[in-house]
Amino acid sequence: MKDVIMKKLLFWIVLIVGTVALLGSCAKKEESTTAAAAAASVCTTCDPLTSTTTAAGSITVGSATLSGTYATSCFNDASDFSEGSAPSDMKSYGFLFIVRGNDNVTEETNYYTDSTCTTKGYTKKNVYDNVTVGNAYGSKYGTDYSNYQVELIYKQIKILVTTTVSKTWVEGIYGGSIDFVVDTEKIFTVSASSQQKYNLWNVSATTFEMGNNGAQSFPTELNGVEYTKQ
């Protein structure tokens, strides 16, 4: 069953130039990405994932405090990837979530060229500001930690390729209309009409989990990918 599910979950991290159409497509593809991660094989001996984004400030979510950097495990099951759905030199992947201020966060996706999530080949950062935590909504798997509805403004996408293979792959997604340079971060501004996002967060003393961002309404469940505070 797992093999069937993975083949159906195309592992595209679609890149965005700020248009509504592309943003909608990206949201759907990234939901597939997190779904794959929720069922993927985990490297139990790998070092924790790291980010170049600086953590600062904190956000109150119910009775819990969200602060610092949170990371998933290192996922390294080759069956997660369909042909062409990731750079061909990628052997593992992982996600990070960084609190940058009292109402600012960044979601980060990394592809790695080794199976231990050590050497990055591709990094995509979704930058959000004006985070507002709202009402409690449900709970996580019957625990005492409540889920909370969150509104946030999607401001920027930052993309960094560090191999020529990743560069070629990204440019292919754009149809050759945008040139990327190895080791040079490219920053896109999200159009104002597509910035408003809605999500569901769950925070404990050591973990963080969220739903898939909605453009018009809050999700009703978490996506199953757990982050651990670093």
N, C-alpha and C. Protein backbone atom coordinates (compact mmCIF):
# COMPACT_ATOMS: atom_id res chain seq x y z
N MET A 1 0.82 -1.21 0.00
CA MET A 1 0.00 0.00 0.00
C MET A 1 0.86 1.26 0.00
N LYS A 2 1.93 1.24 0.80
CA LYS A 2 2.79 2.43 0.88
C LYS A 2 3.38 2.77 -0.49
N ASP A 3 3.83 1.74 -1.26
CA ASP A 3 4.41 1.99 -2.56
C ASP A 3 3.39 2.62 -3.50
N VAL A 4 2.15 2.16 -3.42
CA VAL A 4 1.10 2.71 -4.28
C VAL A 4 0.85 4.16 -3.94
N ILE A 5 0.76 4.45 -2.64
CA ILE A 5 0.52 5.83 -2.21
C ILE A 5 1.65 6.74 -2.66
N MET A 6 2.90 6.30 -2.47
CA MET A 6 4.03 7.15 -2.82
C MET A 6 4.08 7.44 -4.32
N LYS A 7 3.74 6.46 -5.14
CA LYS A 7 3.76 6.69 -6.58
C LYS A 7 2.71 7.70 -6.99
N LYS A 8 1.62 7.77 -6.25
CA LYS A 8 0.56 8.72 -6.57
C LYS A 8 0.87 10.12 -6.06
N LEU A 9 1.73 10.21 -5.03
CA LEU A 9 2.05 11.51 -4.44
C LEU A 9 3.25 12.11 -5.15
N LEU A 10 3.02 12.90 -6.19
CA LEU A 10 4.11 13.53 -6.93
C LEU A 10 4.83 14.51 -6.02
N PHE A 11 6.17 14.39 -6.00
CA PHE A 11 6.95 15.13 -5.01
C PHE A 11 7.47 16.44 -5.58
N TRP A 12 6.57 17.22 -6.22
CA TRP A 12 6.97 18.51 -6.78
C TRP A 12 6.94 19.59 -5.71
N ILE A 13 8.00 20.35 -5.61
CA ILE A 13 7.97 21.60 -4.85
C ILE A 13 7.90 22.69 -5.90
N VAL A 14 6.68 23.07 -6.29
CA VAL A 14 6.49 23.99 -7.40
C VAL A 14 6.89 25.40 -6.98
N LEU A 15 7.60 26.09 -7.85
CA LEU A 15 8.11 27.42 -7.55
C LEU A 15 7.13 28.47 -8.05
N ILE A 16 7.19 29.66 -7.39
CA ILE A 16 6.15 30.65 -7.61
C ILE A 16 6.73 31.97 -8.05
N VAL A 17 6.09 32.62 -9.03
CA VAL A 17 6.52 33.94 -9.42
C VAL A 17 5.59 35.02 -8.90
N GLY A 18 4.58 34.63 -8.14
CA GLY A 18 3.68 35.61 -7.54
C GLY A 18 2.31 35.64 -8.16
N THR A 19 2.03 34.86 -9.20
CA THR A 19 0.71 34.87 -9.81
C THR A 19 -0.23 33.96 -9.04
N VAL A 20 -1.51 34.25 -9.11
CA VAL A 20 -2.49 33.45 -8.38
C VAL A 20 -2.47 32.00 -8.84
N ALA A 21 -2.38 31.79 -10.15
CA ALA A 21 -2.41 30.43 -10.68
C ALA A 21 -1.26 29.60 -10.15
N LEU A 22 -0.07 30.15 -10.16
CA LEU A 22 1.09 29.41 -9.69
C LEU A 22 1.03 29.18 -8.20
N LEU A 23 0.52 30.15 -7.45
CA LEU A 23 0.41 29.97 -6.00
C LEU A 23 -0.56 28.85 -5.68
N GLY A 24 -1.67 28.78 -6.40
CA GLY A 24 -2.63 27.71 -6.17
C GLY A 24 -2.03 26.35 -6.47
N SER A 25 -1.27 26.28 -7.56
CA SER A 25 -0.62 25.02 -7.92
C SER A 25 0.40 24.63 -6.87
N CYS A 26 1.17 25.59 -6.38
CA CYS A 26 2.20 25.30 -5.38
C CYS A 26 1.59 24.74 -4.11
N ALA A 27 0.48 25.33 -3.68
CA ALA A 27 -0.16 24.86 -2.45
C ALA A 27 -0.54 23.40 -2.57
N LYS A 28 -1.11 23.01 -3.71
CA LYS A 28 -1.53 21.62 -3.89
C LYS A 28 -0.34 20.68 -3.91
N LYS A 29 0.76 21.09 -4.57
CA LYS A 29 1.93 20.23 -4.66
C LYS A 29 2.60 20.08 -3.31
N GLU A 30 2.65 21.16 -2.51
CA GLU A 30 3.29 21.07 -1.22
C GLU A 30 2.47 20.23 -0.25
N GLU A 31 1.14 20.18 -0.43
CA GLU A 31 0.34 19.27 0.37
C GLU A 31 0.74 17.83 0.07
N SER A 32 1.03 17.53 -1.20
CA SER A 32 1.48 16.19 -1.55
C SER A 32 2.83 15.89 -0.93
N THR A 33 3.69 16.91 -0.87
CA THR A 33 5.01 16.76 -0.27
C THR A 33 4.91 16.36 1.19
N THR A 34 4.09 17.08 1.96
CA THR A 34 3.97 16.78 3.38
C THR A 34 3.27 15.45 3.60
N ALA A 35 2.35 15.10 2.71
CA ALA A 35 1.69 13.81 2.82
C ALA A 35 2.69 12.68 2.63
N ALA A 36 3.59 12.85 1.67
CA ALA A 36 4.63 11.84 1.45
C ALA A 36 5.52 11.73 2.68
N ALA A 37 5.89 12.87 3.26
CA ALA A 37 6.77 12.85 4.43
C ALA A 37 6.12 12.16 5.61
N ALA A 38 4.81 12.31 5.75
CA ALA A 38 4.11 11.71 6.88
C ALA A 38 4.20 10.19 6.86
N ALA A 39 4.45 9.61 5.68
CA ALA A 39 4.52 8.14 5.56
C ALA A 39 5.90 7.65 5.16
N ALA A 40 6.90 8.55 5.13
CA ALA A 40 8.21 8.21 4.58
C ALA A 40 9.10 7.50 5.58
N SER A 41 10.19 6.93 5.04
CA SER A 41 11.20 6.30 5.88
C SER A 41 12.06 7.39 6.53
N VAL A 42 12.48 7.14 7.76
CA VAL A 42 13.20 8.14 8.54
C VAL A 42 14.61 7.65 8.84
N CYS A 43 15.57 8.56 8.73
CA CYS A 43 16.95 8.25 9.13
C CYS A 43 17.06 8.46 10.64
N THR A 44 17.26 7.39 11.37
CA THR A 44 17.28 7.47 12.83
C THR A 44 18.66 7.82 13.39
N THR A 45 19.69 7.81 12.55
CA THR A 45 21.04 8.11 13.03
C THR A 45 21.58 9.44 12.50
N CYS A 46 20.76 10.17 11.75
CA CYS A 46 21.21 11.42 11.15
C CYS A 46 21.26 12.55 12.17
N ASP A 47 22.15 13.52 11.94
CA ASP A 47 22.21 14.71 12.78
C ASP A 47 20.98 15.58 12.52
N PRO A 48 20.59 16.44 13.47
CA PRO A 48 19.44 17.33 13.28
C PRO A 48 19.63 18.26 12.08
N LEU A 49 18.53 18.59 11.44
CA LEU A 49 18.57 19.52 10.31
C LEU A 49 18.94 20.92 10.80
N THR A 50 19.57 21.70 9.94
CA THR A 50 19.97 23.06 10.30
C THR A 50 19.49 24.05 9.25
N SER A 51 19.38 25.31 9.67
CA SER A 51 18.95 26.38 8.77
C SER A 51 19.86 27.59 8.93
N THR A 52 19.94 28.38 7.86
CA THR A 52 20.70 29.63 7.92
C THR A 52 19.83 30.79 8.41
N THR A 53 18.54 30.55 8.58
CA THR A 53 17.63 31.59 9.07
C THR A 53 17.81 31.76 10.58
N THR A 54 17.93 33.00 11.02
CA THR A 54 18.14 33.29 12.44
C THR A 54 16.81 33.31 13.19
N ALA A 55 16.75 32.58 14.29
CA ALA A 55 15.55 32.56 15.12
C ALA A 55 15.57 33.71 16.11
N ALA A 56 14.38 34.28 16.37
CA ALA A 56 14.26 35.38 17.33
C ALA A 56 12.80 35.52 17.74
N GLY A 57 12.57 36.07 18.93
CA GLY A 57 11.21 36.33 19.38
C GLY A 57 10.46 35.06 19.73
N SER A 58 9.17 35.22 19.96
CA SER A 58 8.30 34.09 20.30
C SER A 58 6.86 34.43 19.99
N ILE A 59 6.04 33.39 19.84
CA ILE A 59 4.62 33.55 19.54
C ILE A 59 3.84 32.68 20.52
N THR A 60 2.86 33.26 21.18
CA THR A 60 2.03 32.51 22.12
C THR A 60 0.92 31.79 21.38
N VAL A 61 0.84 30.49 21.59
CA VAL A 61 -0.20 29.67 20.95
C VAL A 61 -0.93 28.94 22.06
N GLY A 62 -2.08 29.47 22.47
CA GLY A 62 -2.79 28.92 23.62
C GLY A 62 -1.95 29.11 24.87
N SER A 63 -1.68 28.03 25.58
CA SER A 63 -0.86 28.09 26.78
C SER A 63 0.61 27.78 26.49
N ALA A 64 0.93 27.54 25.23
CA ALA A 64 2.30 27.19 24.83
C ALA A 64 3.00 28.36 24.16
N THR A 65 4.32 28.28 24.10
CA THR A 65 5.13 29.31 23.46
C THR A 65 5.91 28.70 22.30
N LEU A 66 5.74 29.30 21.14
CA LEU A 66 6.45 28.86 19.94
C LEU A 66 7.67 29.76 19.76
N SER A 67 8.86 29.19 19.79
CA SER A 67 10.08 29.99 19.65
C SER A 67 11.21 29.12 19.15
N GLY A 68 12.20 29.75 18.52
CA GLY A 68 13.37 29.02 18.06
C GLY A 68 13.15 28.31 16.74
N THR A 69 13.88 27.21 16.56
CA THR A 69 13.86 26.44 15.32
C THR A 69 13.30 25.04 15.58
N TYR A 70 12.42 24.59 14.70
CA TYR A 70 11.83 23.26 14.77
C TYR A 70 12.19 22.52 13.48
N ALA A 71 12.47 21.23 13.58
CA ALA A 71 12.87 20.46 12.41
C ALA A 71 12.21 19.09 12.40
N THR A 72 11.97 18.59 11.20
CA THR A 72 11.47 17.22 11.06
C THR A 72 12.66 16.26 11.10
N SER A 73 12.36 15.00 10.99
CA SER A 73 13.41 14.01 10.79
C SER A 73 13.97 14.16 9.38
N CYS A 74 15.02 13.44 9.10
CA CYS A 74 15.57 13.34 7.74
C CYS A 74 14.87 12.17 7.05
N PHE A 75 14.20 12.45 5.94
CA PHE A 75 13.48 11.43 5.18
C PHE A 75 14.33 11.00 3.99
N ASN A 76 14.55 9.71 3.83
CA ASN A 76 15.48 9.27 2.78
C ASN A 76 15.01 8.02 2.03
N ASP A 77 13.72 7.89 1.83
CA ASP A 77 13.18 6.77 1.06
C ASP A 77 13.08 7.18 -0.41
N ALA A 78 13.86 6.55 -1.26
CA ALA A 78 13.89 6.93 -2.68
C ALA A 78 12.53 6.76 -3.35
N SER A 79 11.67 5.89 -2.82
CA SER A 79 10.36 5.67 -3.45
C SER A 79 9.42 6.86 -3.27
N ASP A 80 9.83 7.85 -2.45
CA ASP A 80 9.01 9.05 -2.29
C ASP A 80 9.01 9.91 -3.55
N PHE A 81 9.96 9.69 -4.43
CA PHE A 81 10.17 10.60 -5.54
C PHE A 81 9.84 9.97 -6.88
N SER A 82 8.97 10.63 -7.64
CA SER A 82 8.69 10.21 -9.00
C SER A 82 9.75 10.80 -9.92
N GLU A 83 9.92 10.18 -11.07
CA GLU A 83 10.93 10.66 -12.01
C GLU A 83 10.66 12.11 -12.40
N GLY A 84 11.67 12.97 -12.23
CA GLY A 84 11.55 14.38 -12.59
C GLY A 84 10.92 15.24 -11.53
N SER A 85 10.45 14.65 -10.42
CA SER A 85 9.77 15.43 -9.40
C SER A 85 10.71 16.04 -8.38
N ALA A 86 12.00 15.80 -8.52
CA ALA A 86 13.02 16.39 -7.66
C ALA A 86 14.33 16.35 -8.44
N PRO A 87 15.32 17.15 -8.05
CA PRO A 87 16.61 17.06 -8.73
C PRO A 87 17.14 15.63 -8.69
N SER A 88 17.73 15.19 -9.77
CA SER A 88 18.15 13.78 -9.86
C SER A 88 19.30 13.44 -8.92
N ASP A 89 19.98 14.46 -8.37
CA ASP A 89 21.07 14.19 -7.44
C ASP A 89 20.61 14.20 -5.98
N MET A 90 19.30 14.33 -5.76
CA MET A 90 18.77 14.38 -4.39
C MET A 90 18.53 12.99 -3.83
N LYS A 91 18.98 12.79 -2.59
CA LYS A 91 18.83 11.48 -1.96
C LYS A 91 18.08 11.53 -0.62
N SER A 92 17.80 12.73 -0.12
CA SER A 92 17.03 12.86 1.13
C SER A 92 16.43 14.25 1.18
N TYR A 93 15.50 14.45 2.14
CA TYR A 93 14.85 15.75 2.27
C TYR A 93 14.35 15.95 3.69
N GLY A 94 14.04 17.19 4.02
CA GLY A 94 13.54 17.50 5.35
C GLY A 94 12.97 18.91 5.40
N PHE A 95 12.24 19.22 6.50
CA PHE A 95 11.57 20.50 6.66
C PHE A 95 12.00 21.17 7.97
N LEU A 96 12.04 22.50 7.95
CA LEU A 96 12.29 23.26 9.16
C LEU A 96 11.24 24.36 9.29
N PHE A 97 11.03 24.80 10.51
CA PHE A 97 10.09 25.88 10.81
C PHE A 97 10.79 26.79 11.81
N ILE A 98 10.97 28.06 11.43
CA ILE A 98 11.74 28.99 12.26
C ILE A 98 10.90 30.19 12.65
N VAL A 99 10.89 30.50 13.95
CA VAL A 99 10.24 31.72 14.44
C VAL A 99 11.26 32.84 14.33
N ARG A 100 10.97 33.86 13.49
CA ARG A 100 11.92 34.95 13.25
C ARG A 100 11.63 36.18 14.08
N GLY A 101 10.45 36.24 14.70
CA GLY A 101 10.05 37.41 15.48
C GLY A 101 8.74 37.12 16.18
N ASN A 102 8.16 38.13 16.79
CA ASN A 102 6.93 37.93 17.56
C ASN A 102 5.70 37.72 16.67
N ASP A 103 5.81 37.96 15.37
CA ASP A 103 4.73 37.63 14.44
C ASP A 103 5.28 37.29 13.06
N ASN A 104 6.47 36.65 13.06
CA ASN A 104 7.14 36.33 11.81
C ASN A 104 7.68 34.89 11.86
N VAL A 105 7.42 34.12 10.80
CA VAL A 105 7.92 32.74 10.74
C VAL A 105 8.38 32.42 9.32
N THR A 106 9.19 31.39 9.21
CA THR A 106 9.65 30.90 7.91
C THR A 106 9.52 29.38 7.87
N GLU A 107 8.92 28.87 6.80
CA GLU A 107 8.87 27.43 6.54
C GLU A 107 9.96 27.12 5.52
N GLU A 108 10.72 26.06 5.78
CA GLU A 108 11.86 25.76 4.91
C GLU A 108 11.82 24.30 4.45
N THR A 109 12.05 24.10 3.16
CA THR A 109 12.16 22.76 2.58
C THR A 109 13.56 22.60 2.01
N ASN A 110 14.21 21.49 2.34
CA ASN A 110 15.55 21.23 1.83
C ASN A 110 15.62 19.88 1.13
N TYR A 111 16.28 19.85 -0.03
CA TYR A 111 16.68 18.62 -0.69
C TYR A 111 18.18 18.46 -0.45
N TYR A 112 18.62 17.24 -0.21
CA TYR A 112 20.03 16.98 0.08
C TYR A 112 20.61 15.99 -0.94
N THR A 113 21.90 16.14 -1.20
CA THR A 113 22.55 15.27 -2.19
C THR A 113 23.12 14.01 -1.57
N ASP A 114 22.93 13.83 -0.27
CA ASP A 114 23.33 12.59 0.40
C ASP A 114 22.12 12.03 1.14
N SER A 115 22.25 10.82 1.66
CA SER A 115 21.12 10.16 2.31
C SER A 115 21.00 10.50 3.79
N THR A 116 21.84 11.41 4.29
CA THR A 116 21.84 11.76 5.71
C THR A 116 21.46 13.22 5.98
N CYS A 117 20.90 13.91 4.97
CA CYS A 117 20.48 15.31 5.13
C CYS A 117 21.62 16.19 5.62
N THR A 118 22.78 16.04 4.99
CA THR A 118 23.96 16.81 5.37
C THR A 118 24.28 17.92 4.36
N THR A 119 24.31 17.57 3.08
CA THR A 119 24.72 18.52 2.04
C THR A 119 23.50 18.97 1.23
N LYS A 120 23.16 20.25 1.35
CA LYS A 120 21.98 20.78 0.67
C LYS A 120 22.25 21.00 -0.82
N GLY A 121 21.27 20.60 -1.63
CA GLY A 121 21.33 20.87 -3.06
C GLY A 121 20.30 21.89 -3.49
N TYR A 122 19.25 22.01 -2.68
CA TYR A 122 18.13 22.91 -3.01
C TYR A 122 17.45 23.33 -1.71
N THR A 123 17.18 24.62 -1.58
CA THR A 123 16.47 25.14 -0.41
C THR A 123 15.38 26.10 -0.86
N LYS A 124 14.18 25.92 -0.31
CA LYS A 124 13.07 26.84 -0.57
C LYS A 124 12.53 27.33 0.76
N LYS A 125 12.44 28.65 0.93
CA LYS A 125 11.93 29.24 2.17
C LYS A 125 10.66 30.03 1.88
N ASN A 126 9.59 29.71 2.59
CA ASN A 126 8.35 30.49 2.53
C ASN A 126 8.35 31.44 3.72
N VAL A 127 8.31 32.73 3.45
CA VAL A 127 8.44 33.76 4.48
C VAL A 127 7.07 34.36 4.79
N TYR A 128 6.69 34.32 6.09
CA TYR A 128 5.39 34.84 6.53
C TYR A 128 5.57 35.92 7.59
N ASP A 129 4.71 36.93 7.53
CA ASP A 129 4.67 37.99 8.54
C ASP A 129 3.24 38.15 9.05
N ASN A 130 3.08 39.05 10.04
CA ASN A 130 1.76 39.38 10.58
C ASN A 130 0.99 38.13 11.03
N VAL A 131 1.66 37.26 11.76
CA VAL A 131 1.02 36.04 12.27
C VAL A 131 0.04 36.40 13.38
N THR A 132 -1.19 35.93 13.27
CA THR A 132 -2.21 36.17 14.29
C THR A 132 -2.81 34.84 14.72
N VAL A 133 -2.68 34.52 16.00
CA VAL A 133 -3.24 33.28 16.53
C VAL A 133 -4.66 33.53 17.00
N GLY A 134 -5.58 32.70 16.55
CA GLY A 134 -6.99 32.90 16.86
C GLY A 134 -7.56 31.85 17.79
N ASN A 135 -8.68 31.26 17.41
CA ASN A 135 -9.43 30.36 18.27
C ASN A 135 -8.86 28.95 18.31
N ALA A 136 -9.09 28.27 19.42
CA ALA A 136 -8.74 26.86 19.52
C ALA A 136 -9.70 26.06 18.63
N TYR A 137 -9.15 25.00 18.02
CA TYR A 137 -9.97 24.18 17.13
C TYR A 137 -9.50 22.74 17.22
N GLY A 138 -10.21 21.92 17.96
CA GLY A 138 -9.86 20.51 18.07
C GLY A 138 -8.61 20.28 18.88
N SER A 139 -8.12 19.04 18.87
CA SER A 139 -6.90 18.70 19.59
C SER A 139 -6.12 17.67 18.80
N LYS A 140 -4.90 17.45 19.19
CA LYS A 140 -4.03 16.54 18.47
C LYS A 140 -4.13 15.13 19.02
N TYR A 141 -4.78 14.28 18.27
CA TYR A 141 -4.83 12.86 18.60
C TYR A 141 -5.27 12.59 20.04
N GLY A 142 -6.18 13.44 20.57
CA GLY A 142 -6.70 13.21 21.90
C GLY A 142 -5.82 13.66 23.04
N THR A 143 -4.73 14.39 22.74
CA THR A 143 -3.87 14.90 23.81
C THR A 143 -4.48 16.16 24.39
N ASP A 144 -3.82 16.71 25.40
CA ASP A 144 -4.30 17.94 26.03
C ASP A 144 -3.90 19.19 25.26
N TYR A 145 -3.10 19.05 24.23
CA TYR A 145 -2.64 20.21 23.47
C TYR A 145 -3.67 20.56 22.40
N SER A 146 -4.17 21.77 22.41
CA SER A 146 -5.19 22.18 21.46
C SER A 146 -4.57 22.68 20.16
N ASN A 147 -5.29 22.48 19.06
CA ASN A 147 -4.94 23.11 17.79
C ASN A 147 -5.49 24.53 17.80
N TYR A 148 -4.77 25.44 17.16
CA TYR A 148 -5.22 26.83 17.09
C TYR A 148 -5.23 27.31 15.65
N GLN A 149 -6.29 28.04 15.31
CA GLN A 149 -6.37 28.64 13.98
C GLN A 149 -5.43 29.84 13.91
N VAL A 150 -4.73 29.94 12.78
CA VAL A 150 -3.72 30.98 12.62
C VAL A 150 -3.89 31.67 11.27
N GLU A 151 -3.85 32.99 11.28
CA GLU A 151 -3.82 33.76 10.04
C GLU A 151 -2.42 34.31 9.85
N LEU A 152 -1.94 34.32 8.61
CA LEU A 152 -0.61 34.83 8.34
C LEU A 152 -0.52 35.37 6.92
N ILE A 153 0.45 36.24 6.70
CA ILE A 153 0.63 36.89 5.41
C ILE A 153 1.87 36.32 4.73
N TYR A 154 1.67 35.74 3.56
CA TYR A 154 2.74 35.09 2.79
C TYR A 154 3.46 36.17 1.97
N LYS A 155 4.67 36.53 2.39
CA LYS A 155 5.35 37.69 1.82
C LYS A 155 6.35 37.35 0.71
N GLN A 156 7.18 36.34 0.95
CA GLN A 156 8.26 36.07 0.01
C GLN A 156 8.51 34.57 -0.15
N ILE A 157 9.13 34.23 -1.28
CA ILE A 157 9.69 32.90 -1.50
C ILE A 157 11.17 33.08 -1.82
N LYS A 158 12.02 32.36 -1.10
CA LYS A 158 13.46 32.43 -1.33
C LYS A 158 13.95 31.06 -1.79
N ILE A 159 14.66 31.04 -2.90
CA ILE A 159 15.13 29.78 -3.47
C ILE A 159 16.63 29.82 -3.67
N LEU A 160 17.29 28.77 -3.20
CA LEU A 160 18.74 28.65 -3.36
C LEU A 160 19.07 27.27 -3.93
N VAL A 161 19.80 27.26 -5.04
CA VAL A 161 20.30 26.01 -5.60
C VAL A 161 21.81 25.98 -5.42
N THR A 162 22.33 24.83 -5.02
CA THR A 162 23.76 24.74 -4.75
C THR A 162 24.45 23.68 -5.61
N THR A 163 23.72 23.11 -6.57
CA THR A 163 24.33 22.20 -7.54
C THR A 163 23.81 22.55 -8.93
N THR A 164 24.58 22.22 -9.94
CA THR A 164 24.13 22.49 -11.31
C THR A 164 22.93 21.62 -11.67
N VAL A 165 22.83 20.45 -11.04
CA VAL A 165 21.67 19.58 -11.28
C VAL A 165 20.39 20.25 -10.79
N SER A 166 20.43 20.82 -9.57
CA SER A 166 19.26 21.52 -9.03
C SER A 166 18.94 22.75 -9.86
N LYS A 167 19.96 23.45 -10.31
CA LYS A 167 19.76 24.64 -11.16
C LYS A 167 19.00 24.27 -12.42
N THR A 168 19.44 23.22 -13.08
CA THR A 168 18.77 22.79 -14.32
C THR A 168 17.34 22.35 -14.05
N TRP A 169 17.13 21.65 -12.94
CA TRP A 169 15.79 21.18 -12.57
C TRP A 169 14.84 22.35 -12.33
N VAL A 170 15.28 23.34 -11.56
CA VAL A 170 14.44 24.50 -11.25
C VAL A 170 14.12 25.29 -12.52
N GLU A 171 15.11 25.51 -13.33
CA GLU A 171 14.88 26.26 -14.57
C GLU A 171 13.93 25.51 -15.49
N GLY A 172 13.96 24.19 -15.44
CA GLY A 172 13.03 23.41 -16.23
C GLY A 172 11.60 23.59 -15.77
N ILE A 173 11.40 23.71 -14.46
CA ILE A 173 10.06 23.95 -13.92
C ILE A 173 9.51 25.27 -14.45
N TYR A 174 10.38 26.27 -14.55
CA TYR A 174 9.97 27.57 -15.06
C TYR A 174 9.91 27.61 -16.59
N GLY A 175 10.24 26.52 -17.24
CA GLY A 175 10.22 26.50 -18.69
C GLY A 175 11.34 27.33 -19.29
N GLY A 176 12.40 27.55 -18.52
CA GLY A 176 13.54 28.32 -19.01
C GLY A 176 13.33 29.82 -18.98
N SER A 177 12.22 30.28 -18.38
CA SER A 177 11.93 31.72 -18.38
C SER A 177 12.68 32.50 -17.30
N ILE A 178 13.23 31.78 -16.31
CA ILE A 178 13.98 32.42 -15.24
C ILE A 178 15.31 31.71 -15.07
N ASP A 179 16.38 32.50 -14.99
CA ASP A 179 17.71 31.93 -14.80
C ASP A 179 18.07 31.92 -13.32
N PHE A 180 18.59 30.81 -12.85
CA PHE A 180 19.10 30.69 -11.49
C PHE A 180 20.62 30.57 -11.55
N VAL A 181 21.27 31.04 -10.49
CA VAL A 181 22.72 30.96 -10.39
C VAL A 181 23.07 30.12 -9.17
N VAL A 182 23.94 29.14 -9.34
CA VAL A 182 24.36 28.29 -8.24
C VAL A 182 24.94 29.12 -7.11
N ASP A 183 24.50 28.84 -5.88
CA ASP A 183 24.97 29.51 -4.66
C ASP A 183 24.52 30.97 -4.55
N THR A 184 23.52 31.36 -5.34
CA THR A 184 22.97 32.72 -5.24
C THR A 184 21.47 32.63 -5.00
N GLU A 185 21.02 33.11 -3.85
CA GLU A 185 19.60 33.04 -3.51
C GLU A 185 18.78 33.99 -4.37
N LYS A 186 17.66 33.48 -4.88
CA LYS A 186 16.73 34.31 -5.65
C LYS A 186 15.47 34.52 -4.82
N ILE A 187 15.01 35.77 -4.75
CA ILE A 187 13.87 36.12 -3.90
C ILE A 187 12.70 36.59 -4.76
N PHE A 188 11.52 36.00 -4.52
CA PHE A 188 10.30 36.39 -5.20
C PHE A 188 9.34 37.02 -4.20
N THR A 189 8.65 38.07 -4.60
CA THR A 189 7.63 38.70 -3.77
C THR A 189 6.26 38.15 -4.16
N VAL A 190 5.51 37.69 -3.18
CA VAL A 190 4.18 37.14 -3.44
C VAL A 190 3.22 38.30 -3.70
N SER A 191 2.40 38.16 -4.73
CA SER A 191 1.46 39.23 -5.07
C SER A 191 0.48 39.46 -3.93
N ALA A 192 0.07 40.71 -3.75
CA ALA A 192 -0.78 41.09 -2.62
C ALA A 192 -2.08 40.28 -2.58
N SER A 193 -2.63 39.97 -3.74
CA SER A 193 -3.91 39.24 -3.78
C SER A 193 -3.78 37.79 -3.33
N SER A 194 -2.56 37.29 -3.22
CA SER A 194 -2.35 35.89 -2.84
C SER A 194 -1.65 35.72 -1.50
N GLN A 195 -1.51 36.81 -0.74
CA GLN A 195 -0.73 36.75 0.48
C GLN A 195 -1.48 36.18 1.69
N GLN A 196 -2.78 36.39 1.77
CA GLN A 196 -3.53 35.95 2.95
C GLN A 196 -3.59 34.43 3.02
N LYS A 197 -3.16 33.86 4.17
CA LYS A 197 -3.19 32.42 4.35
C LYS A 197 -3.82 32.07 5.70
N TYR A 198 -4.36 30.85 5.78
CA TYR A 198 -5.00 30.36 7.00
C TYR A 198 -4.44 28.97 7.31
N ASN A 199 -4.15 28.73 8.58
CA ASN A 199 -3.59 27.42 8.93
C ASN A 199 -4.04 27.00 10.33
N LEU A 200 -3.60 25.82 10.71
CA LEU A 200 -3.90 25.23 12.01
C LEU A 200 -2.57 24.82 12.63
N TRP A 201 -2.30 25.28 13.85
CA TRP A 201 -1.03 24.98 14.52
C TRP A 201 -1.29 24.22 15.80
N ASN A 202 -0.35 23.36 16.14
CA ASN A 202 -0.37 22.65 17.42
C ASN A 202 1.03 22.74 18.02
N VAL A 203 1.12 23.23 19.24
CA VAL A 203 2.43 23.44 19.88
C VAL A 203 2.44 22.79 21.26
N SER A 204 3.50 22.04 21.54
CA SER A 204 3.74 21.53 22.89
C SER A 204 5.09 22.08 23.35
N ALA A 205 5.58 21.61 24.46
CA ALA A 205 6.86 22.11 24.96
C ALA A 205 8.02 21.77 24.03
N THR A 206 7.91 20.68 23.28
CA THR A 206 9.02 20.23 22.44
C THR A 206 8.67 19.97 20.99
N THR A 207 7.38 20.07 20.62
CA THR A 207 7.00 19.74 19.25
C THR A 207 6.11 20.81 18.63
N PHE A 208 6.05 20.76 17.30
CA PHE A 208 5.19 21.66 16.53
C PHE A 208 4.63 20.88 15.36
N GLU A 209 3.37 21.14 15.05
CA GLU A 209 2.74 20.53 13.90
C GLU A 209 1.73 21.50 13.32
N MET A 210 1.52 21.45 12.01
CA MET A 210 0.59 22.37 11.37
C MET A 210 -0.22 21.64 10.31
N GLY A 211 -1.21 22.35 9.77
CA GLY A 211 -1.98 21.83 8.66
C GLY A 211 -1.40 22.33 7.36
N ASN A 212 -2.16 22.19 6.28
CA ASN A 212 -1.75 22.74 4.99
C ASN A 212 -2.40 24.11 4.81
N ASN A 213 -1.61 25.11 4.45
CA ASN A 213 -2.12 26.46 4.32
C ASN A 213 -3.34 26.54 3.40
N GLY A 214 -4.36 27.27 3.84
CA GLY A 214 -5.53 27.51 3.02
C GLY A 214 -5.54 28.94 2.53
N ALA A 215 -6.06 29.16 1.33
CA ALA A 215 -6.12 30.51 0.76
C ALA A 215 -7.39 31.25 1.17
N GLN A 216 -8.44 30.50 1.53
CA GLN A 216 -9.72 31.14 1.85
C GLN A 216 -10.31 30.69 3.17
N SER A 217 -9.83 29.58 3.70
CA SER A 217 -10.40 29.07 4.96
C SER A 217 -9.35 28.26 5.71
N PHE A 218 -9.62 28.01 6.99
CA PHE A 218 -8.71 27.24 7.82
C PHE A 218 -8.81 25.75 7.50
N PRO A 219 -7.70 25.02 7.51
CA PRO A 219 -7.79 23.57 7.40
C PRO A 219 -8.45 23.01 8.65
N THR A 220 -8.94 21.82 8.58
CA THR A 220 -9.64 21.22 9.72
C THR A 220 -8.83 20.13 10.40
N GLU A 221 -7.63 19.85 9.88
CA GLU A 221 -6.79 18.83 10.48
C GLU A 221 -5.32 19.13 10.25
N LEU A 222 -4.46 18.52 11.06
CA LEU A 222 -3.02 18.65 10.89
C LEU A 222 -2.56 17.73 9.77
N ASN A 223 -1.38 18.02 9.21
CA ASN A 223 -0.93 17.24 8.06
C ASN A 223 -0.11 16.01 8.41
N GLY A 224 0.14 15.78 9.70
CA GLY A 224 0.80 14.55 10.11
C GLY A 224 2.31 14.58 10.14
N VAL A 225 2.91 15.73 9.80
CA VAL A 225 4.38 15.85 9.84
C VAL A 225 4.77 16.59 11.12
N GLU A 226 5.49 15.91 12.01
CA GLU A 226 5.85 16.50 13.29
C GLU A 226 7.25 17.09 13.28
N TYR A 227 7.36 18.28 13.85
CA TYR A 227 8.64 18.98 14.00
C TYR A 227 9.05 18.93 15.47
N THR A 228 10.35 18.81 15.72
CA THR A 228 10.87 18.79 17.08
C THR A 228 11.71 20.04 17.32
N LYS A 229 11.57 20.66 18.47
CA LYS A 229 12.34 21.86 18.76
C LYS A 229 13.81 21.52 18.89
N GLN A 230 14.64 22.36 18.25
CA GLN A 230 16.09 22.12 18.23
C GLN A 230 16.79 22.83 19.40
